[in-house]
Amino acid sequence: MENKKVTTMEDIISIVLRAGVLLSIIVICAGLFLHIVLKLSAGSLIIKTGLYILFLTPFARLVVSLLMFLIEKDLIYFAITLSIILIIIGSNLLVSINF
C-alpha cells in the first residue's frame, strides 16, 4: 500500500514538472515566432513569461508536494516543505522591498 502511494505521488509530481516545462516551451516558441517572424515587440514579453513559467515550475512542485503531504497526513514532511516555501517567498519579498 505504501509503495503505491509513493508511486502515485511521484507520478503526480512528474506530471506537474513535465507540464511546466512543456508549457514554458510552447510559450517561449510562440514569443520567438512573434518576435522574429512577425517583428512584434510583444514577443519579448511573451518569451519572458515563458521563462518565468520555467522558473516557477520547481516551486509548483513544492506546492504539489505540500498538498500531497497534507493529504497523507505526513506532518513532518508537510512542515519541512512549508518551511521551504515560506523561505522562498520571504526571500523574494525581502529582495523586492530592498531593491
Protein backbone atom coordinates (compact mmCIF):
# COMPACT_ATOMS: atom_id res chain seq x y z
CA MET A 1 0.00 0.00 0.00
CA GLU A 2 2.78 2.43 0.94
CA ASN A 3 4.64 1.69 -2.30
CA LYS A 4 1.50 2.56 -4.30
CA LYS A 5 1.22 5.94 -2.50
CA VAL A 6 4.85 6.76 -3.31
CA THR A 7 4.33 5.81 -6.96
CA THR A 8 1.19 7.95 -7.19
CA MET A 9 2.92 10.92 -5.60
CA GLU A 10 5.90 10.58 -7.93
CA ASP A 11 3.54 10.32 -10.92
CA ILE A 12 1.69 13.50 -9.95
CA ILE A 13 4.94 15.41 -9.38
CA SER A 14 6.26 14.12 -12.70
CA ILE A 15 3.14 15.37 -14.47
CA VAL A 16 3.48 18.80 -12.85
CA LEU A 17 7.14 19.10 -13.85
CA ARG A 18 6.54 17.91 -17.40
CA ALA A 19 3.52 20.19 -17.82
CA GLY A 20 5.50 23.19 -16.57
CA VAL A 21 8.40 22.55 -18.93
CA LEU A 22 6.08 21.84 -21.88
CA LEU A 23 4.02 24.97 -21.22
CA SER A 24 7.15 27.11 -20.97
CA ILE A 25 8.48 25.68 -24.24
CA ILE A 26 5.20 26.44 -26.01
CA VAL A 27 5.07 30.00 -24.64
CA ILE A 28 8.74 30.68 -25.47
CA CYS A 29 8.33 29.33 -29.00
CA ALA A 30 5.24 31.49 -29.51
CA GLY A 31 7.17 34.52 -28.28
CA LEU A 32 10.09 33.71 -30.57
CA PHE A 33 7.71 33.41 -33.51
CA LEU A 34 6.10 36.75 -32.73
CA HIS A 35 9.44 38.45 -32.15
CA ILE A 36 11.47 37.01 -35.03
CA VAL A 37 8.93 36.26 -37.77
CA LEU A 38 6.26 38.89 -37.18
CA LYS A 39 8.67 41.51 -35.73
CA LEU A 40 6.32 42.32 -32.84
CA SER A 41 7.82 43.80 -29.69
CA ALA A 42 5.30 41.88 -27.56
CA GLY A 43 7.22 38.73 -28.47
CA SER A 44 9.97 39.54 -25.98
CA LEU A 45 7.40 39.93 -23.20
CA ILE A 46 5.94 36.54 -24.09
CA ILE A 47 9.42 34.99 -24.06
CA LYS A 48 9.98 36.41 -20.57
CA THR A 49 6.64 34.97 -19.48
CA GLY A 50 7.74 31.55 -20.72
CA LEU A 51 10.96 31.87 -18.74
CA TYR A 52 9.02 32.80 -15.60
CA ILE A 53 6.86 29.71 -16.09
CA LEU A 54 10.03 27.64 -16.35
CA PHE A 55 11.47 29.22 -13.19
CA LEU A 56 8.22 28.67 -11.26
CA THR A 57 7.90 25.00 -12.25
CA PRO A 58 10.03 23.72 -9.32
CA PHE A 59 8.03 25.97 -6.99
CA ALA A 60 4.82 24.38 -8.31
CA ARG A 61 6.38 21.02 -7.48
CA LEU A 62 6.85 22.17 -3.90
CA VAL A 63 3.23 23.29 -3.66
CA VAL A 64 2.00 19.96 -5.02
CA SER A 65 4.26 18.11 -2.58
CA LEU A 66 2.89 20.23 0.25
CA LEU A 67 -0.67 19.28 -0.66
CA MET A 68 0.25 15.61 -1.05
CA PHE A 69 1.89 15.54 2.38
CA LEU A 70 -1.18 17.20 3.88
CA ILE A 71 -3.49 14.64 2.26
CA GLU A 72 -1.29 11.79 3.51
CA LYS A 73 -1.15 13.42 6.97
CA ASP A 74 2.65 13.29 6.91
CA LEU A 75 3.10 16.30 9.16
CA ILE A 76 6.90 16.24 9.40
CA TYR A 77 7.40 16.48 5.64
CA PHE A 78 4.49 18.93 5.43
CA ALA A 79 6.24 21.22 7.92
CA ILE A 80 9.59 20.92 6.11
CA THR A 81 8.03 21.67 2.72
CA LEU A 82 6.02 24.56 4.14
CA SER A 83 9.19 25.98 5.68
CA ILE A 84 10.98 25.82 2.33
CA ILE A 85 8.06 27.55 0.59
CA LEU A 86 7.95 30.29 3.23
CA ILE A 87 11.72 30.82 2.97
CA ILE A 88 11.47 31.17 -0.82
CA ILE A 89 8.53 33.59 -0.60
CA GLY A 90 10.12 35.56 2.24
CA SER A 91 13.46 35.91 0.49
CA ASN A 92 11.77 37.09 -2.70
CA LEU A 93 9.74 39.65 -0.76
CA LEU A 94 12.85 40.93 1.02
CA VAL A 95 14.73 41.29 -2.25
CA SER A 96 11.84 43.13 -3.91
CA ILE A 97 11.44 45.52 -0.95
CA ASN A 98 15.14 46.40 -0.68
CA PHE A 99 15.67 46.94 -4.38
